[in-house]
All heavy atoms as atom14 arrays in JSON, in Angstrom:
{
  "sequence": "YKYYKSIEVAKGDTLWSIAQNHVDEKYFKNTGEYVAEVKKINSLASDN",
  "atom14_mask": [
    [1, 1, 1, 1, 1, 1, 1, 1, 1, 1, 1, 1, 0, 0],
    [1, 1, 1, 1, 1, 1, 1, 1, 1, 0, 0, 0, 0, 0],
    [1, 1, 1, 1, 1, 1, 1, 1, 1, 1, 1, 1, 0, 0],
    [1, 1, 1, 1, 1, 1, 1, 1, 1, 1, 1, 1, 0, 0],
    [1, 1, 1, 1, 1, 1, 1, 1, 1, 0, 0, 0, 0, 0],
    [1, 1, 1, 1, 1, 1, 0, 0, 0, 0, 0, 0, 0, 0],
    [1, 1, 1, 1, 1, 1, 1, 1, 0, 0, 0, 0, 0, 0],
    [1, 1, 1, 1, 1, 1, 1, 1, 1, 0, 0, 0, 0, 0],
    [1, 1, 1, 1, 1, 1, 1, 0, 0, 0, 0, 0, 0, 0],
    [1, 1, 1, 1, 1, 0, 0, 0, 0, 0, 0, 0, 0, 0],
    [1, 1, 1, 1, 1, 1, 1, 1, 1, 0, 0, 0, 0, 0],
    [1, 1, 1, 1, 0, 0, 0, 0, 0, 0, 0, 0, 0, 0],
    [1, 1, 1, 1, 1, 1, 1, 1, 0, 0, 0, 0, 0, 0],
    [1, 1, 1, 1, 1, 1, 1, 0, 0, 0, 0, 0, 0, 0],
    [1, 1, 1, 1, 1, 1, 1, 1, 0, 0, 0, 0, 0, 0],
    [1, 1, 1, 1, 1, 1, 1, 1, 1, 1, 1, 1, 1, 1],
    [1, 1, 1, 1, 1, 1, 0, 0, 0, 0, 0, 0, 0, 0],
    [1, 1, 1, 1, 1, 1, 1, 1, 0, 0, 0, 0, 0, 0],
    [1, 1, 1, 1, 1, 0, 0, 0, 0, 0, 0, 0, 0, 0],
    [1, 1, 1, 1, 1, 1, 1, 1, 1, 0, 0, 0, 0, 0],
    [1, 1, 1, 1, 1, 1, 1, 1, 0, 0, 0, 0, 0, 0],
    [1, 1, 1, 1, 1, 1, 1, 1, 1, 1, 0, 0, 0, 0],
    [1, 1, 1, 1, 1, 1, 1, 0, 0, 0, 0, 0, 0, 0],
    [1, 1, 1, 1, 1, 1, 1, 1, 0, 0, 0, 0, 0, 0],
    [1, 1, 1, 1, 1, 1, 1, 1, 1, 0, 0, 0, 0, 0],
    [1, 1, 1, 1, 1, 1, 1, 1, 1, 0, 0, 0, 0, 0],
    [1, 1, 1, 1, 1, 1, 1, 1, 1, 1, 1, 1, 0, 0],
    [1, 1, 1, 1, 1, 1, 1, 1, 1, 1, 1, 0, 0, 0],
    [1, 1, 1, 1, 1, 1, 1, 1, 1, 0, 0, 0, 0, 0],
    [1, 1, 1, 1, 1, 1, 1, 1, 0, 0, 0, 0, 0, 0],
    [1, 1, 1, 1, 1, 1, 1, 0, 0, 0, 0, 0, 0, 0],
    [1, 1, 1, 1, 0, 0, 0, 0, 0, 0, 0, 0, 0, 0],
    [1, 1, 1, 1, 1, 1, 1, 1, 1, 0, 0, 0, 0, 0],
    [1, 1, 1, 1, 1, 1, 1, 1, 1, 1, 1, 1, 0, 0],
    [1, 1, 1, 1, 1, 1, 1, 0, 0, 0, 0, 0, 0, 0],
    [1, 1, 1, 1, 1, 0, 0, 0, 0, 0, 0, 0, 0, 0],
    [1, 1, 1, 1, 1, 1, 1, 1, 1, 0, 0, 0, 0, 0],
    [1, 1, 1, 1, 1, 1, 1, 0, 0, 0, 0, 0, 0, 0],
    [1, 1, 1, 1, 1, 1, 1, 1, 1, 0, 0, 0, 0, 0],
    [1, 1, 1, 1, 1, 1, 1, 1, 1, 0, 0, 0, 0, 0],
    [1, 1, 1, 1, 1, 1, 1, 1, 0, 0, 0, 0, 0, 0],
    [1, 1, 1, 1, 1, 1, 1, 1, 0, 0, 0, 0, 0, 0],
    [1, 1, 1, 1, 1, 1, 0, 0, 0, 0, 0, 0, 0, 0],
    [1, 1, 1, 1, 1, 1, 1, 1, 0, 0, 0, 0, 0, 0],
    [1, 1, 1, 1, 1, 0, 0, 0, 0, 0, 0, 0, 0, 0],
    [1, 1, 1, 1, 1, 1, 0, 0, 0, 0, 0, 0, 0, 0],
    [1, 1, 1, 1, 1, 1, 1, 1, 0, 0, 0, 0, 0, 0],
    [1, 1, 1, 1, 1, 1, 1, 1, 0, 0, 0, 0, 0, 0]
  ],
  "atom14_positions": [
    [[110.46, 102.61, 99.04], [109.21, 102.83, 98.38], [108.33, 101.64, 98.57], [108.77, 100.54, 98.58], [109.4, 103.11, 96.86], [110.33, 104.26, 96.66], [111.72, 103.98, 96.4], [109.91, 105.56, 96.63], [112.6, 105.03, 96.24], [110.83, 106.66, 96.45], [112.17, 106.36, 96.25], [113.08, 107.41, 96.04], [0.0, 0.0, 0.0], [0.0, 0.0, 0.0]],
    [[107.01, 101.88, 98.77], [106.05, 100.82, 98.97], [105.51, 100.4, 97.64], [105.02, 101.32, 96.89], [104.98, 101.24, 99.95], [104.07, 100.08, 100.33], [103.11, 100.58, 101.38], [102.21, 99.41, 101.94], [101.33, 99.96, 102.99], [0.0, 0.0, 0.0], [0.0, 0.0, 0.0], [0.0, 0.0, 0.0], [0.0, 0.0, 0.0], [0.0, 0.0, 0.0]],
    [[105.5, 99.09, 97.3], [104.99, 98.61, 96.04], [104.0, 97.51, 96.39], [103.98, 96.94, 97.45], [106.04, 98.17, 95.11], [107.05, 99.21, 94.66], [108.29, 99.32, 95.24], [106.68, 100.16, 93.75], [109.17, 100.29, 94.86], [107.5, 101.14, 93.4], [108.87, 101.23, 93.9], [109.66, 102.19, 93.54], [0.0, 0.0, 0.0], [0.0, 0.0, 0.0]],
    [[103.29, 97.09, 95.28], [102.35, 95.98, 95.44], [102.51, 95.05, 94.25], [102.92, 95.45, 93.16], [100.91, 96.52, 95.43], [100.64, 97.48, 96.56], [100.83, 98.88, 96.33], [100.17, 97.06, 97.75], [100.53, 99.77, 97.39], [99.92, 97.98, 98.79], [100.1, 99.34, 98.56], [99.87, 100.22, 99.59], [0.0, 0.0, 0.0], [0.0, 0.0, 0.0]],
    [[102.36, 93.74, 94.63], [102.46, 92.81, 93.49], [101.37, 91.73, 93.67], [100.87, 91.51, 94.81], [103.79, 92.17, 93.37], [104.22, 91.25, 94.57], [105.66, 90.68, 94.35], [106.09, 89.89, 95.59], [107.41, 89.36, 95.43], [0.0, 0.0, 0.0], [0.0, 0.0, 0.0], [0.0, 0.0, 0.0], [0.0, 0.0, 0.0], [0.0, 0.0, 0.0]],
    [[100.98, 91.16, 92.6], [99.9, 90.15, 92.57], [100.6, 88.76, 92.55], [101.49, 88.54, 91.77], [99.05, 90.32, 91.38], [98.01, 89.36, 91.32], [0.0, 0.0, 0.0], [0.0, 0.0, 0.0], [0.0, 0.0, 0.0], [0.0, 0.0, 0.0], [0.0, 0.0, 0.0], [0.0, 0.0, 0.0], [0.0, 0.0, 0.0], [0.0, 0.0, 0.0]],
    [[100.12, 87.88, 93.47], [100.59, 86.49, 93.49], [99.55, 85.56, 93.4], [98.39, 85.81, 93.82], [101.53, 86.26, 94.76], [100.67, 86.4, 96.01], [102.74, 87.11, 94.83], [101.32, 85.82, 97.25], [0.0, 0.0, 0.0], [0.0, 0.0, 0.0], [0.0, 0.0, 0.0], [0.0, 0.0, 0.0], [0.0, 0.0, 0.0], [0.0, 0.0, 0.0]],
    [[99.81, 84.37, 92.75], [98.76, 83.34, 92.74], [98.8, 82.5, 93.96], [99.92, 82.14, 94.46], [99.02, 82.48, 91.49], [97.92, 81.44, 91.25], [98.09, 80.67, 89.97], [99.14, 80.83, 89.31], [97.22, 79.85, 89.71], [0.0, 0.0, 0.0], [0.0, 0.0, 0.0], [0.0, 0.0, 0.0], [0.0, 0.0, 0.0], [0.0, 0.0, 0.0]],
    [[97.59, 82.21, 94.51], [97.57, 81.42, 95.73], [97.72, 79.95, 95.34], [96.95, 79.43, 94.47], [96.21, 81.63, 96.45], [96.1, 80.71, 97.6], [96.07, 83.02, 96.82], [0.0, 0.0, 0.0], [0.0, 0.0, 0.0], [0.0, 0.0, 0.0], [0.0, 0.0, 0.0], [0.0, 0.0, 0.0], [0.0, 0.0, 0.0], [0.0, 0.0, 0.0]],
    [[98.67, 79.28, 95.91], [98.94, 77.86, 95.57], [98.14, 77.0, 96.57], [97.66, 77.41, 97.61], [100.43, 77.57, 95.71], [0.0, 0.0, 0.0], [0.0, 0.0, 0.0], [0.0, 0.0, 0.0], [0.0, 0.0, 0.0], [0.0, 0.0, 0.0], [0.0, 0.0, 0.0], [0.0, 0.0, 0.0], [0.0, 0.0, 0.0], [0.0, 0.0, 0.0]],
    [[97.99, 75.74, 96.19], [97.29, 74.75, 97.06], [98.0, 74.66, 98.42], [99.19, 74.54, 98.46], [97.2, 73.42, 96.43], [96.36, 72.41, 97.14], [96.25, 71.14, 96.35], [95.35, 70.2, 97.21], [95.24, 68.87, 96.56], [0.0, 0.0, 0.0], [0.0, 0.0, 0.0], [0.0, 0.0, 0.0], [0.0, 0.0, 0.0], [0.0, 0.0, 0.0]],
    [[97.26, 74.81, 99.5], [97.8, 74.68, 100.75], [98.28, 76.06, 101.34], [98.68, 76.14, 102.47], [0.0, 0.0, 0.0], [0.0, 0.0, 0.0], [0.0, 0.0, 0.0], [0.0, 0.0, 0.0], [0.0, 0.0, 0.0], [0.0, 0.0, 0.0], [0.0, 0.0, 0.0], [0.0, 0.0, 0.0], [0.0, 0.0, 0.0], [0.0, 0.0, 0.0]],
    [[98.28, 77.05, 100.56], [98.62, 78.45, 101.05], [97.6, 79.01, 102.03], [96.33, 78.81, 101.76], [98.84, 79.41, 99.93], [100.21, 79.3, 99.24], [101.05, 78.68, 99.82], [100.36, 79.92, 98.24], [0.0, 0.0, 0.0], [0.0, 0.0, 0.0], [0.0, 0.0, 0.0], [0.0, 0.0, 0.0], [0.0, 0.0, 0.0], [0.0, 0.0, 0.0]],
    [[97.98, 79.69, 103.0], [97.09, 80.51, 103.87], [97.62, 81.89, 103.85], [98.73, 82.16, 103.45], [97.03, 79.89, 105.28], [98.38, 80.07, 105.86], [96.67, 78.46, 105.32], [0.0, 0.0, 0.0], [0.0, 0.0, 0.0], [0.0, 0.0, 0.0], [0.0, 0.0, 0.0], [0.0, 0.0, 0.0], [0.0, 0.0, 0.0], [0.0, 0.0, 0.0]],
    [[96.76, 82.8, 104.32], [97.22, 84.14, 104.39], [98.45, 84.3, 105.34], [99.44, 85.01, 105.1], [96.16, 85.13, 105.01], [95.08, 85.58, 104.02], [94.06, 86.47, 104.7], [95.77, 86.37, 102.89], [0.0, 0.0, 0.0], [0.0, 0.0, 0.0], [0.0, 0.0, 0.0], [0.0, 0.0, 0.0], [0.0, 0.0, 0.0], [0.0, 0.0, 0.0]],
    [[98.45, 83.41, 106.36], [99.53, 83.47, 107.34], [100.82, 82.94, 106.75], [101.87, 83.46, 106.99], [99.13, 82.75, 108.64], [98.16, 83.54, 109.47], [96.84, 83.51, 109.24], [98.45, 84.52, 110.38], [96.19, 84.39, 110.05], [97.16, 85.04, 110.78], [99.58, 85.03, 110.92], [97.04, 86.07, 111.73], [99.42, 86.0, 111.91], [98.22, 86.52, 112.27]],
    [[100.8, 81.85, 105.94], [101.97, 81.28, 105.33], [102.55, 82.28, 104.28], [103.76, 82.42, 104.25], [101.68, 79.9, 104.73], [100.83, 79.99, 103.56], [0.0, 0.0, 0.0], [0.0, 0.0, 0.0], [0.0, 0.0, 0.0], [0.0, 0.0, 0.0], [0.0, 0.0, 0.0], [0.0, 0.0, 0.0], [0.0, 0.0, 0.0], [0.0, 0.0, 0.0]],
    [[101.64, 82.91, 103.51], [102.08, 83.95, 102.53], [102.77, 85.07, 103.27], [103.78, 85.58, 102.87], [100.89, 84.37, 101.64], [100.45, 83.26, 100.77], [101.3, 85.57, 100.86], [99.15, 83.51, 100.02], [0.0, 0.0, 0.0], [0.0, 0.0, 0.0], [0.0, 0.0, 0.0], [0.0, 0.0, 0.0], [0.0, 0.0, 0.0], [0.0, 0.0, 0.0]],
    [[102.09, 85.52, 104.34], [102.72, 86.67, 105.12], [104.01, 86.24, 105.71], [104.95, 87.13, 105.69], [101.68, 87.0, 106.26], [0.0, 0.0, 0.0], [0.0, 0.0, 0.0], [0.0, 0.0, 0.0], [0.0, 0.0, 0.0], [0.0, 0.0, 0.0], [0.0, 0.0, 0.0], [0.0, 0.0, 0.0], [0.0, 0.0, 0.0], [0.0, 0.0, 0.0]],
    [[104.22, 85.1, 106.24], [105.52, 84.7, 106.79], [106.62, 84.68, 105.75], [107.74, 85.04, 106.01], [105.39, 83.34, 107.47], [104.67, 83.36, 108.75], [104.43, 81.99, 109.32], [104.53, 80.95, 108.63], [104.15, 81.91, 110.61], [0.0, 0.0, 0.0], [0.0, 0.0, 0.0], [0.0, 0.0, 0.0], [0.0, 0.0, 0.0], [0.0, 0.0, 0.0]],
    [[106.21, 84.42, 104.47], [107.24, 84.37, 103.37], [107.52, 85.81, 102.86], [108.53, 85.99, 102.24], [106.71, 83.53, 102.24], [106.68, 82.09, 102.64], [107.46, 81.59, 103.49], [105.8, 81.29, 101.96], [0.0, 0.0, 0.0], [0.0, 0.0, 0.0], [0.0, 0.0, 0.0], [0.0, 0.0, 0.0], [0.0, 0.0, 0.0], [0.0, 0.0, 0.0]],
    [[106.62, 86.74, 103.07], [106.8, 88.08, 102.43], [106.95, 89.27, 103.46], [107.21, 90.37, 103.03], [105.69, 88.31, 101.49], [105.66, 87.44, 100.27], [104.97, 86.22, 100.28], [106.22, 87.48, 99.12], [105.14, 85.62, 99.14], [105.91, 86.4, 98.36], [0.0, 0.0, 0.0], [0.0, 0.0, 0.0], [0.0, 0.0, 0.0], [0.0, 0.0, 0.0]],
    [[106.65, 89.02, 104.77], [106.59, 90.1, 105.68], [108.07, 90.64, 105.85], [109.04, 89.92, 105.81], [106.1, 89.71, 107.07], [106.93, 88.7, 107.69], [105.79, 90.91, 107.93], [0.0, 0.0, 0.0], [0.0, 0.0, 0.0], [0.0, 0.0, 0.0], [0.0, 0.0, 0.0], [0.0, 0.0, 0.0], [0.0, 0.0, 0.0], [0.0, 0.0, 0.0]],
    [[108.17, 91.93, 105.99], [109.45, 92.62, 106.25], [109.32, 93.29, 107.66], [108.62, 94.28, 107.79], [109.74, 93.65, 105.18], [111.14, 94.26, 105.27], [111.79, 94.09, 106.32], [111.51, 94.86, 104.33], [0.0, 0.0, 0.0], [0.0, 0.0, 0.0], [0.0, 0.0, 0.0], [0.0, 0.0, 0.0], [0.0, 0.0, 0.0], [0.0, 0.0, 0.0]],
    [[110.02, 92.75, 108.65], [109.86, 93.2, 109.99], [110.34, 94.62, 110.17], [110.03, 95.31, 111.18], [110.67, 92.3, 110.98], [109.95, 90.98, 111.33], [110.29, 89.88, 110.31], [111.28, 89.94, 109.61], [109.45, 88.95, 110.23], [0.0, 0.0, 0.0], [0.0, 0.0, 0.0], [0.0, 0.0, 0.0], [0.0, 0.0, 0.0], [0.0, 0.0, 0.0]],
    [[111.07, 95.08, 109.23], [111.49, 96.5, 109.24], [110.29, 97.49, 109.15], [110.25, 98.6, 109.66], [112.5, 96.83, 108.16], [113.2, 98.12, 108.21], [114.25, 98.23, 107.22], [114.97, 99.49, 107.15], [115.96, 99.68, 106.04], [0.0, 0.0, 0.0], [0.0, 0.0, 0.0], [0.0, 0.0, 0.0], [0.0, 0.0, 0.0], [0.0, 0.0, 0.0]],
    [[109.19, 97.09, 108.49], [108.04, 97.86, 108.22], [106.75, 97.41, 108.84], [105.8, 98.19, 108.9], [107.86, 98.01, 106.63], [109.08, 98.55, 105.96], [109.98, 97.64, 105.32], [109.36, 99.93, 106.08], [111.08, 98.2, 104.7], [110.55, 100.37, 105.43], [111.35, 99.53, 104.78], [112.48, 99.94, 104.15], [0.0, 0.0, 0.0], [0.0, 0.0, 0.0]],
    [[106.82, 96.2, 109.32], [105.58, 95.66, 109.98], [106.01, 95.14, 111.39], [107.0, 94.53, 111.53], [104.95, 94.59, 109.21], [104.39, 94.99, 107.86], [105.13, 94.94, 106.76], [103.12, 95.54, 107.78], [104.69, 95.38, 105.47], [102.68, 95.99, 106.56], [103.38, 95.89, 105.41], [0.0, 0.0, 0.0], [0.0, 0.0, 0.0], [0.0, 0.0, 0.0]],
    [[105.18, 95.42, 112.43], [105.55, 95.01, 113.75], [105.55, 93.49, 113.89], [106.42, 92.95, 114.56], [104.54, 95.54, 114.78], [104.5, 97.02, 114.87], [103.47, 97.52, 115.89], [103.4, 99.01, 115.86], [102.25, 99.46, 116.65], [0.0, 0.0, 0.0], [0.0, 0.0, 0.0], [0.0, 0.0, 0.0], [0.0, 0.0, 0.0], [0.0, 0.0, 0.0]],
    [[104.62, 92.86, 113.18], [104.57, 91.38, 113.23], [103.8, 90.88, 112.07], [103.29, 91.62, 111.22], [103.87, 90.91, 114.61], [102.52, 91.58, 114.76], [101.72, 91.73, 113.85], [102.26, 92.0, 115.99], [0.0, 0.0, 0.0], [0.0, 0.0, 0.0], [0.0, 0.0, 0.0], [0.0, 0.0, 0.0], [0.0, 0.0, 0.0], [0.0, 0.0, 0.0]],
    [[103.69, 89.52, 111.93], [103.03, 88.9, 110.81], [101.51, 89.25, 110.81], [100.93, 89.41, 109.73], [103.23, 87.36, 110.88], [104.64, 87.06, 110.99], [102.65, 86.66, 109.6], [0.0, 0.0, 0.0], [0.0, 0.0, 0.0], [0.0, 0.0, 0.0], [0.0, 0.0, 0.0], [0.0, 0.0, 0.0], [0.0, 0.0, 0.0], [0.0, 0.0, 0.0]],
    [[100.9, 89.36, 111.99], [99.48, 89.71, 112.1], [99.21, 91.06, 111.47], [98.14, 91.22, 110.82], [0.0, 0.0, 0.0], [0.0, 0.0, 0.0], [0.0, 0.0, 0.0], [0.0, 0.0, 0.0], [0.0, 0.0, 0.0], [0.0, 0.0, 0.0], [0.0, 0.0, 0.0], [0.0, 0.0, 0.0], [0.0, 0.0, 0.0], [0.0, 0.0, 0.0]],
    [[100.06, 92.05, 111.64], [99.87, 93.3, 111.02], [99.93, 93.26, 109.48], [99.17, 93.87, 108.83], [100.98, 94.28, 111.55], [100.71, 95.69, 111.16], [101.75, 96.64, 111.74], [101.69, 96.91, 113.0], [102.68, 97.07, 111.01], [0.0, 0.0, 0.0], [0.0, 0.0, 0.0], [0.0, 0.0, 0.0], [0.0, 0.0, 0.0], [0.0, 0.0, 0.0]],
    [[100.83, 92.45, 109.02], [100.98, 92.25, 107.59], [99.71, 91.55, 107.03], [99.18, 91.98, 105.96], [102.23, 91.4, 107.25], [102.54, 91.31, 105.75], [103.19, 92.31, 105.14], [102.17, 90.17, 105.05], [103.54, 92.22, 103.75], [102.44, 90.08, 103.68], [103.12, 91.14, 103.03], [103.44, 91.0, 101.72], [0.0, 0.0, 0.0], [0.0, 0.0, 0.0]],
    [[99.26, 90.5, 107.67], [98.01, 89.79, 107.32], [96.84, 90.79, 107.25], [96.02, 90.82, 106.31], [97.66, 88.61, 108.27], [96.28, 88.09, 107.98], [98.73, 87.5, 108.05], [0.0, 0.0, 0.0], [0.0, 0.0, 0.0], [0.0, 0.0, 0.0], [0.0, 0.0, 0.0], [0.0, 0.0, 0.0], [0.0, 0.0, 0.0], [0.0, 0.0, 0.0]],
    [[96.7, 91.65, 108.27], [95.61, 92.62, 108.3], [95.72, 93.58, 107.08], [94.68, 93.94, 106.5], [95.68, 93.44, 109.65], [0.0, 0.0, 0.0], [0.0, 0.0, 0.0], [0.0, 0.0, 0.0], [0.0, 0.0, 0.0], [0.0, 0.0, 0.0], [0.0, 0.0, 0.0], [0.0, 0.0, 0.0], [0.0, 0.0, 0.0], [0.0, 0.0, 0.0]],
    [[96.96, 93.99, 106.77], [97.02, 94.89, 105.61], [96.68, 94.14, 104.26], [95.95, 94.71, 103.42], [98.42, 95.48, 105.52], [98.53, 96.47, 104.25], [99.69, 97.37, 104.37], [100.32, 97.48, 105.35], [99.97, 98.04, 103.33], [0.0, 0.0, 0.0], [0.0, 0.0, 0.0], [0.0, 0.0, 0.0], [0.0, 0.0, 0.0], [0.0, 0.0, 0.0]],
    [[97.11, 92.85, 104.13], [96.76, 92.1, 102.95], [95.23, 91.95, 102.86], [94.63, 92.04, 101.77], [97.48, 90.7, 102.97], [96.95, 89.84, 101.89], [98.94, 90.93, 102.79], [0.0, 0.0, 0.0], [0.0, 0.0, 0.0], [0.0, 0.0, 0.0], [0.0, 0.0, 0.0], [0.0, 0.0, 0.0], [0.0, 0.0, 0.0], [0.0, 0.0, 0.0]],
    [[94.61, 91.67, 104.0], [93.15, 91.58, 103.97], [92.44, 92.83, 103.56], [91.51, 92.84, 102.8], [92.69, 91.11, 105.35], [92.96, 89.61, 105.64], [92.63, 89.19, 107.05], [91.17, 89.33, 107.44], [90.8, 88.81, 108.72], [0.0, 0.0, 0.0], [0.0, 0.0, 0.0], [0.0, 0.0, 0.0], [0.0, 0.0, 0.0], [0.0, 0.0, 0.0]],
    [[92.99, 93.92, 104.05], [92.41, 95.27, 103.73], [92.57, 95.56, 102.21], [91.6, 96.0, 101.59], [93.05, 96.3, 104.57], [92.52, 97.73, 104.34], [93.22, 98.67, 105.22], [92.86, 100.13, 104.89], [93.56, 101.14, 105.66], [0.0, 0.0, 0.0], [0.0, 0.0, 0.0], [0.0, 0.0, 0.0], [0.0, 0.0, 0.0], [0.0, 0.0, 0.0]],
    [[93.8, 95.35, 101.69], [94.08, 95.61, 100.3], [93.17, 94.79, 99.39], [92.69, 95.29, 98.39], [95.55, 95.32, 99.98], [96.51, 96.25, 100.67], [95.79, 95.34, 98.44], [97.91, 95.83, 100.66], [0.0, 0.0, 0.0], [0.0, 0.0, 0.0], [0.0, 0.0, 0.0], [0.0, 0.0, 0.0], [0.0, 0.0, 0.0], [0.0, 0.0, 0.0]],
    [[92.94, 93.55, 99.74], [92.1, 92.65, 98.94], [90.62, 92.57, 99.34], [89.92, 91.74, 98.79], [92.75, 91.22, 98.96], [94.12, 91.17, 98.31], [94.22, 91.15, 97.1], [95.17, 91.24, 99.13], [0.0, 0.0, 0.0], [0.0, 0.0, 0.0], [0.0, 0.0, 0.0], [0.0, 0.0, 0.0], [0.0, 0.0, 0.0], [0.0, 0.0, 0.0]],
    [[90.24, 93.42, 100.25], [88.82, 93.4, 100.75], [88.39, 92.1, 101.2], [87.27, 91.56, 100.85], [87.94, 93.97, 99.64], [88.32, 95.28, 99.28], [0.0, 0.0, 0.0], [0.0, 0.0, 0.0], [0.0, 0.0, 0.0], [0.0, 0.0, 0.0], [0.0, 0.0, 0.0], [0.0, 0.0, 0.0], [0.0, 0.0, 0.0], [0.0, 0.0, 0.0]],
    [[89.14, 91.38, 101.97], [88.88, 90.06, 102.41], [88.18, 90.22, 103.84], [88.79, 90.94, 104.69], [90.09, 89.17, 102.57], [90.76, 88.92, 101.27], [92.12, 88.09, 101.59], [89.97, 88.05, 100.33], [0.0, 0.0, 0.0], [0.0, 0.0, 0.0], [0.0, 0.0, 0.0], [0.0, 0.0, 0.0], [0.0, 0.0, 0.0], [0.0, 0.0, 0.0]],
    [[87.09, 89.54, 104.0], [86.42, 89.61, 105.32], [86.95, 88.55, 106.3], [86.9, 88.73, 107.52], [84.88, 89.42, 105.14], [0.0, 0.0, 0.0], [0.0, 0.0, 0.0], [0.0, 0.0, 0.0], [0.0, 0.0, 0.0], [0.0, 0.0, 0.0], [0.0, 0.0, 0.0], [0.0, 0.0, 0.0], [0.0, 0.0, 0.0], [0.0, 0.0, 0.0]],
    [[87.53, 87.5, 105.73], [88.08, 86.42, 106.57], [89.47, 86.0, 106.07], [89.96, 86.61, 105.12], [87.2, 85.18, 106.56], [87.18, 84.55, 105.32], [0.0, 0.0, 0.0], [0.0, 0.0, 0.0], [0.0, 0.0, 0.0], [0.0, 0.0, 0.0], [0.0, 0.0, 0.0], [0.0, 0.0, 0.0], [0.0, 0.0, 0.0], [0.0, 0.0, 0.0]],
    [[90.12, 85.05, 106.73], [91.44, 84.63, 106.35], [91.42, 83.56, 105.25], [92.45, 83.07, 104.82], [92.14, 83.96, 107.61], [92.53, 85.05, 108.59], [92.3, 86.23, 108.35], [93.07, 84.71, 109.62], [0.0, 0.0, 0.0], [0.0, 0.0, 0.0], [0.0, 0.0, 0.0], [0.0, 0.0, 0.0], [0.0, 0.0, 0.0], [0.0, 0.0, 0.0]],
    [[90.18, 83.17, 104.8], [90.06, 82.1, 103.83], [90.46, 82.64, 102.4], [89.93, 83.69, 102.03], [88.58, 81.57, 103.78], [88.18, 80.96, 105.07], [89.04, 80.43, 105.78], [86.91, 81.04, 105.39], [0.0, 0.0, 0.0], [0.0, 0.0, 0.0], [0.0, 0.0, 0.0], [0.0, 0.0, 0.0], [0.0, 0.0, 0.0], [0.0, 0.0, 0.0]]
  ]
}
C-alpha cells in the first residue's frame, strides 16, 4: 500500500538527500523519479 508522511526539513537537507534516504528501488526506477514525485506532491517548482 502506498502511504504518505510529513517530515521536517533539517538544516543541510536537499530533496536529493531526502530521496536517497527514503527511496524504495522496488517502486521507483531511480532517485530522480522519487524526487520528481516528491516535487509533484508538494507542488514544488524547483529543488529548493
